[in-house]
Amino acid sequence: MPSARSLQGLTLNHVSAALVAGTTSSYTTTVTTAVSIGGKFGTTLGAQTNTASPTADAATGAAFVPLTANQATVLVWGVNLAGAIKLCQGSIVPTAIGVTTTAGAFIKSPQFPNLPDDFAPLAYCLVRTSPTGNAFTPGTTAWAASGITTSAFVNVSTLPDRPVAA
């Protein structure tokens, strides 16, 4: 049985926001968030409908790194203590070579990013690019653009050990 000390400072998403890809490059949630970060309850983020996605990485403060042909990344959605939506980009890895606008299979899964201290994960998704389709920039490129394959969003209470690429 874990000691109370091992639970101190816990960061946890208490309810699934049912986060999904919106239209174009936006996101949608149907449930109000409830998170704790470092043991403190955060401000809630109400349901969102086709809301503009962040265009800067919450971990680095810089613009997202675009994916070029035959690459994959993982994107982690979350909120901060103030209840603002945040997005972080994981590693960019090569995929098998796809065929025209069909993305190739994963060779290995991209790795989750280092998350800021003021960040509670809500969901993650995996994105792959094809050899001849569009480049992909999180927050800018449409989820369903030609040559882009986006996984279903996986809603989480905490991040798993690694992204599940199927």
C-alpha atoms as a PDB file:
ATOM      1  CA  MET A   1       0.000   0.000   0.000  1.00  0.00           C
ATOM      2  CA  PRO A   2       1.461   3.397  -0.974  1.00  0.00           C
ATOM      3  CA  SER A   3       2.205   5.856   1.769  1.00  0.00           C
ATOM      4  CA  ALA A   4       0.427   9.209   1.932  1.00  0.00           C
ATOM      5  CA  ARG A   5       3.774  10.848   1.170  1.00  0.00           C
ATOM      6  CA  SER A   6       3.908   9.131  -2.263  1.00  0.00           C
ATOM      7  CA  LEU A   7       0.615  10.844  -3.179  1.00  0.00           C
ATOM      8  CA  GLN A   8       1.794  14.337  -2.258  1.00  0.00           C
ATOM      9  CA  GLY A   9       2.060  16.695  -5.217  1.00  0.00           C
ATOM     10  CA  LEU A  10      -0.018  14.468  -7.498  1.00  0.00           C
ATOM     11  CA  THR A  11      -1.019  15.769 -10.949  1.00  0.00           C
ATOM     12  CA  LEU A  12      -4.218  14.130 -12.162  1.00  0.00           C
ATOM     13  CA  ASN A  13      -7.112  14.641 -14.553  1.00  0.00           C
ATOM     14  CA  HIS A  14     -10.222  13.696 -12.557  1.00  0.00           C
ATOM     15  CA  VAL A  15     -12.749  13.533 -15.413  1.00  0.00           C
ATOM     16  CA  SER A  16     -12.559  12.800 -19.126  1.00  0.00           C
ATOM     17  CA  ALA A  17     -13.128  15.994 -21.098  1.00  0.00           C
ATOM     18  CA  ALA A  18     -14.045  13.788 -24.100  1.00  0.00           C
ATOM     19  CA  LEU A  19     -11.516  15.748 -26.162  1.00  0.00           C
ATOM     20  CA  VAL A  20     -11.658  15.073 -29.918  1.00  0.00           C
ATOM     21  CA  ALA A  21     -10.380  16.650 -33.109  1.00  0.00           C
ATOM     22  CA  GLY A  22     -12.605  19.463 -34.226  1.00  0.00           C
ATOM     23  CA  THR A  23     -13.006  20.747 -37.746  1.00  0.00           C
ATOM     24  CA  THR A  24      -9.891  21.967 -39.525  1.00  0.00           C
ATOM     25  CA  SER A  25      -7.140  22.280 -36.854  1.00  0.00           C
ATOM     26  CA  SER A  26      -9.457  22.942 -33.897  1.00  0.00           C
ATOM     27  CA  TYR A  27     -10.454  20.801 -30.907  1.00  0.00           C
ATOM     28  CA  THR A  28     -13.753  19.991 -29.208  1.00  0.00           C
ATOM     29  CA  THR A  29     -14.629  18.855 -25.680  1.00  0.00           C
ATOM     30  CA  THR A  30     -18.050  18.003 -24.287  1.00  0.00           C
ATOM     31  CA  VAL A  31     -17.274  17.835 -20.573  1.00  0.00           C
ATOM     32  CA  THR A  32     -15.897  20.466 -18.178  1.00  0.00           C
ATOM     33  CA  THR A  33     -12.395  19.597 -16.949  1.00  0.00           C
ATOM     34  CA  ALA A  34     -11.471  18.849 -13.336  1.00  0.00           C
ATOM     35  CA  VAL A  35      -7.741  18.580 -12.649  1.00  0.00           C
ATOM     36  CA  SER A  36      -5.257  18.822  -9.838  1.00  0.00           C
ATOM     37  CA  ILE A  37      -1.678  19.922 -10.498  1.00  0.00           C
ATOM     38  CA  GLY A  38       0.924  19.374  -7.825  1.00  0.00           C
ATOM     39  CA  GLY A  39      -1.881  18.563  -5.397  1.00  0.00           C
ATOM     40  CA  LYS A  40      -3.814  21.810  -6.049  1.00  0.00           C
ATOM     41  CA  PHE A  41      -7.197  21.882  -7.778  1.00  0.00           C
ATOM     42  CA  GLY A  42      -7.122  23.811 -11.034  1.00  0.00           C
ATOM     43  CA  THR A  43      -9.690  26.131 -12.553  1.00  0.00           C
ATOM     44  CA  THR A  44     -12.082  24.264 -14.824  1.00  0.00           C
ATOM     45  CA  LEU A  45     -12.229  24.633 -18.589  1.00  0.00           C
ATOM     46  CA  GLY A  46     -15.814  24.416 -19.836  1.00  0.00           C
ATOM     47  CA  ALA A  47     -16.885  22.445 -22.897  1.00  0.00           C
ATOM     48  CA  GLN A  48     -15.310  23.741 -26.119  1.00  0.00           C
ATOM     49  CA  THR A  49     -16.670  23.452 -29.661  1.00  0.00           C
ATOM     50  CA  ASN A  50     -14.279  23.763 -32.599  1.00  0.00           C
ATOM     51  CA  THR A  51     -11.986  26.029 -30.594  1.00  0.00           C
ATOM     52  CA  ALA A  52      -8.684  27.137 -32.123  1.00  0.00           C
ATOM     53  CA  SER A  53      -5.810  24.863 -31.117  1.00  0.00           C
ATOM     54  CA  PRO A  54      -2.698  26.356 -29.531  1.00  0.00           C
ATOM     55  CA  THR A  55       0.012  27.282 -32.051  1.00  0.00           C
ATOM     56  CA  ALA A  56       2.949  27.286 -29.615  1.00  0.00           C
ATOM     57  CA  ASP A  57       4.349  24.375 -27.637  1.00  0.00           C
ATOM     58  CA  ALA A  58       3.558  24.793 -23.924  1.00  0.00           C
ATOM     59  CA  ALA A  59       6.812  23.031 -23.014  1.00  0.00           C
ATOM     60  CA  THR A  60       9.145  25.183 -25.108  1.00  0.00           C
ATOM     61  CA  GLY A  61       7.161  28.373 -25.754  1.00  0.00           C
ATOM     62  CA  ALA A  62       8.220  28.115 -29.411  1.00  0.00           C
ATOM     63  CA  ALA A  63       6.170  27.409 -32.512  1.00  0.00           C
ATOM     64  CA  PHE A  64       5.563  23.727 -33.199  1.00  0.00           C
ATOM     65  CA  VAL A  65       8.054  21.871 -35.389  1.00  0.00           C
ATOM     66  CA  PRO A  66       6.344  20.857 -38.661  1.00  0.00           C
ATOM     67  CA  LEU A  67       6.306  17.238 -39.800  1.00  0.00           C
ATOM     68  CA  THR A  68       7.603  16.632 -43.306  1.00  0.00           C
ATOM     69  CA  ALA A  69       7.100  13.538 -45.489  1.00  0.00           C
ATOM     70  CA  ASN A  70       7.031  10.142 -43.741  1.00  0.00           C
ATOM     71  CA  GLN A  71       7.203  11.371 -40.156  1.00  0.00           C
ATOM     72  CA  ALA A  72       5.130  10.959 -36.983  1.00  0.00           C
ATOM     73  CA  THR A  73       4.715  12.776 -33.677  1.00  0.00           C
ATOM     74  CA  VAL A  74       2.577  12.615 -30.549  1.00  0.00           C
ATOM     75  CA  LEU A  75       0.614  15.626 -29.315  1.00  0.00           C
ATOM     76  CA  VAL A  76      -0.420  15.932 -25.667  1.00  0.00           C
ATOM     77  CA  TRP A  77      -3.378  18.144 -24.753  1.00  0.00           C
ATOM     78  CA  GLY A  78      -3.730  19.527 -21.250  1.00  0.00           C
ATOM     79  CA  VAL A  79      -4.706  22.471 -19.084  1.00  0.00           C
ATOM     80  CA  ASN A  80      -2.804  24.610 -16.617  1.00  0.00           C
ATOM     81  CA  LEU A  81      -3.916  25.629 -13.103  1.00  0.00           C
ATOM     82  CA  ALA A  82      -5.703  28.654 -14.583  1.00  0.00           C
ATOM     83  CA  GLY A  83      -7.795  26.334 -16.774  1.00  0.00           C
ATOM     84  CA  ALA A  84      -6.212  27.357 -20.103  1.00  0.00           C
ATOM     85  CA  ILE A  85      -5.845  24.721 -22.812  1.00  0.00           C
ATOM     86  CA  LYS A  86      -2.242  23.795 -23.608  1.00  0.00           C
ATOM     87  CA  LEU A  87      -0.585  21.548 -26.206  1.00  0.00           C
ATOM     88  CA  CYS A  88       2.862  19.903 -26.232  1.00  0.00           C
ATOM     89  CA  GLN A  89       4.603  18.105 -29.085  1.00  0.00           C
ATOM     90  CA  GLY A  90       6.576  14.915 -28.536  1.00  0.00           C
ATOM     91  CA  SER A  91       9.479  13.551 -30.527  1.00  0.00           C
ATOM     92  CA  ILE A  92       9.371  13.410 -34.323  1.00  0.00           C
ATOM     93  CA  VAL A  93      10.226   9.966 -35.692  1.00  0.00           C
ATOM     94  CA  PRO A  94      10.414   8.502 -39.206  1.00  0.00           C
ATOM     95  CA  THR A  95       7.686   6.177 -40.442  1.00  0.00           C
ATOM     96  CA  ALA A  96       7.819   3.510 -43.107  1.00  0.00           C
ATOM     97  CA  ILE A  97       7.516   5.091 -46.534  1.00  0.00           C
ATOM     98  CA  GLY A  98       3.880   5.523 -47.402  1.00  0.00           C
ATOM     99  CA  VAL A  99       2.234   5.435 -50.820  1.00  0.00           C
ATOM    100  CA  THR A 100       1.296   8.808 -52.358  1.00  0.00           C
ATOM    101  CA  THR A 101      -1.104  10.385 -49.805  1.00  0.00           C
ATOM    102  CA  THR A 102      -1.277   7.319 -47.530  1.00  0.00           C
ATOM    103  CA  ALA A 103       0.980   7.575 -44.467  1.00  0.00           C
ATOM    104  CA  GLY A 104       3.354   4.692 -43.803  1.00  0.00           C
ATOM    105  CA  ALA A 105       3.227   2.447 -40.742  1.00  0.00           C
ATOM    106  CA  PHE A 106       5.014   3.274 -37.518  1.00  0.00           C
ATOM    107  CA  ILE A 107       8.593   2.013 -37.288  1.00  0.00           C
ATOM    108  CA  LYS A 108       8.663   3.043 -33.628  1.00  0.00           C
ATOM    109  CA  SER A 109       6.353   5.169 -31.526  1.00  0.00           C
ATOM    110  CA  PRO A 110       7.189   8.814 -30.933  1.00  0.00           C
ATOM    111  CA  GLN A 111       7.927   9.611 -27.298  1.00  0.00           C
ATOM    112  CA  PHE A 112       5.863  11.841 -25.050  1.00  0.00           C
ATOM    113  CA  PRO A 113       7.297  15.329 -24.518  1.00  0.00           C
ATOM    114  CA  ASN A 114       8.613  16.627 -21.215  1.00  0.00           C
ATOM    115  CA  LEU A 115       5.611  18.429 -19.797  1.00  0.00           C
ATOM    116  CA  PRO A 116       5.703  21.758 -17.944  1.00  0.00           C
ATOM    117  CA  ASP A 117       5.119  21.671 -14.175  1.00  0.00           C
ATOM    118  CA  ASP A 118       1.870  23.644 -14.655  1.00  0.00           C
ATOM    119  CA  PHE A 119       0.240  21.090 -16.977  1.00  0.00           C
ATOM    120  CA  ALA A 120      -2.312  18.334 -16.400  1.00  0.00           C
ATOM    121  CA  PRO A 121      -2.701  15.998 -19.406  1.00  0.00           C
ATOM    122  CA  LEU A 122      -6.198  15.486 -20.799  1.00  0.00           C
ATOM    123  CA  ALA A 123      -5.560  13.515 -23.999  1.00  0.00           C
ATOM    124  CA  TYR A 124      -3.024  12.620 -26.647  1.00  0.00           C
ATOM    125  CA  CYS A 125      -3.077  11.774 -30.348  1.00  0.00           C
ATOM    126  CA  LEU A 126      -0.595  10.504 -32.910  1.00  0.00           C
ATOM    127  CA  VAL A 127      -0.099  12.186 -36.295  1.00  0.00           C
ATOM    128  CA  ARG A 128       1.648  10.745 -39.378  1.00  0.00           C
ATOM    129  CA  THR A 129       2.448  12.276 -42.766  1.00  0.00           C
ATOM    130  CA  SER A 130       2.571  10.652 -46.206  1.00  0.00           C
ATOM    131  CA  PRO A 131       5.274  10.996 -48.848  1.00  0.00           C
ATOM    132  CA  THR A 132       3.282  13.307 -51.151  1.00  0.00           C
ATOM    133  CA  GLY A 133       0.638  14.923 -48.931  1.00  0.00           C
ATOM    134  CA  ASN A 134       0.779  18.083 -46.888  1.00  0.00           C
ATOM    135  CA  ALA A 135       3.367  18.912 -44.267  1.00  0.00           C
ATOM    136  CA  PHE A 136       1.751  19.013 -40.809  1.00  0.00           C
ATOM    137  CA  THR A 137       2.100  21.796 -38.243  1.00  0.00           C
ATOM    138  CA  PRO A 138       0.138  21.323 -34.993  1.00  0.00           C
ATOM    139  CA  GLY A 139      -2.400  24.061 -34.418  1.00  0.00           C
ATOM    140  CA  THR A 140      -2.306  25.136 -38.066  1.00  0.00           C
ATOM    141  CA  THR A 141      -2.754  22.185 -40.434  1.00  0.00           C
ATOM    142  CA  ALA A 142      -6.177  20.551 -40.680  1.00  0.00           C
ATOM    143  CA  TRP A 143      -6.411  17.140 -39.014  1.00  0.00           C
ATOM    144  CA  ALA A 144      -7.891  15.651 -42.213  1.00  0.00           C
ATOM    145  CA  ALA A 145      -5.627  17.429 -44.738  1.00  0.00           C
ATOM    146  CA  SER A 146      -4.451  15.369 -47.687  1.00  0.00           C
ATOM    147  CA  GLY A 147      -1.725  12.951 -46.613  1.00  0.00           C
ATOM    148  CA  ILE A 148      -2.286  13.455 -42.871  1.00  0.00           C
ATOM    149  CA  THR A 149      -3.326  10.526 -40.655  1.00  0.00           C
ATOM    150  CA  THR A 150      -4.461  11.455 -37.156  1.00  0.00           C
ATOM    151  CA  SER A 151      -5.300   8.781 -34.581  1.00  0.00           C
ATOM    152  CA  ALA A 152      -8.364   8.968 -32.411  1.00  0.00           C
ATOM    153  CA  PHE A 153      -7.693  11.171 -29.390  1.00  0.00           C
ATOM    154  CA  VAL A 154      -6.976   9.081 -26.291  1.00  0.00           C
ATOM    155  CA  ASN A 155      -8.439  10.730 -23.180  1.00  0.00           C
ATOM    156  CA  VAL A 156      -6.354  10.060 -20.051  1.00  0.00           C
ATOM    157  CA  SER A 157      -6.249  10.659 -16.315  1.00  0.00           C
ATOM    158  CA  THR A 158      -2.442  10.485 -16.446  1.00  0.00           C
ATOM    159  CA  LEU A 159      -0.193   9.656 -19.375  1.00  0.00           C
ATOM    160  CA  PRO A 160       0.560   5.983 -19.943  1.00  0.00           C
ATOM    161  CA  ASP A 161       4.183   4.788 -20.082  1.00  0.00           C
ATOM    162  CA  ARG A 162       4.300   5.407 -23.838  1.00  0.00           C
ATOM    163  CA  PRO A 163       1.939   6.350 -26.675  1.00  0.00           C
ATOM    164  CA  VAL A 164       0.065   3.406 -28.119  1.00  0.00           C
ATOM    165  CA  ALA A 165       0.617   3.298 -31.892  1.00  0.00           C
ATOM    166  CA  ALA A 166      -1.713   0.824 -33.541  1.00  0.00           C
END
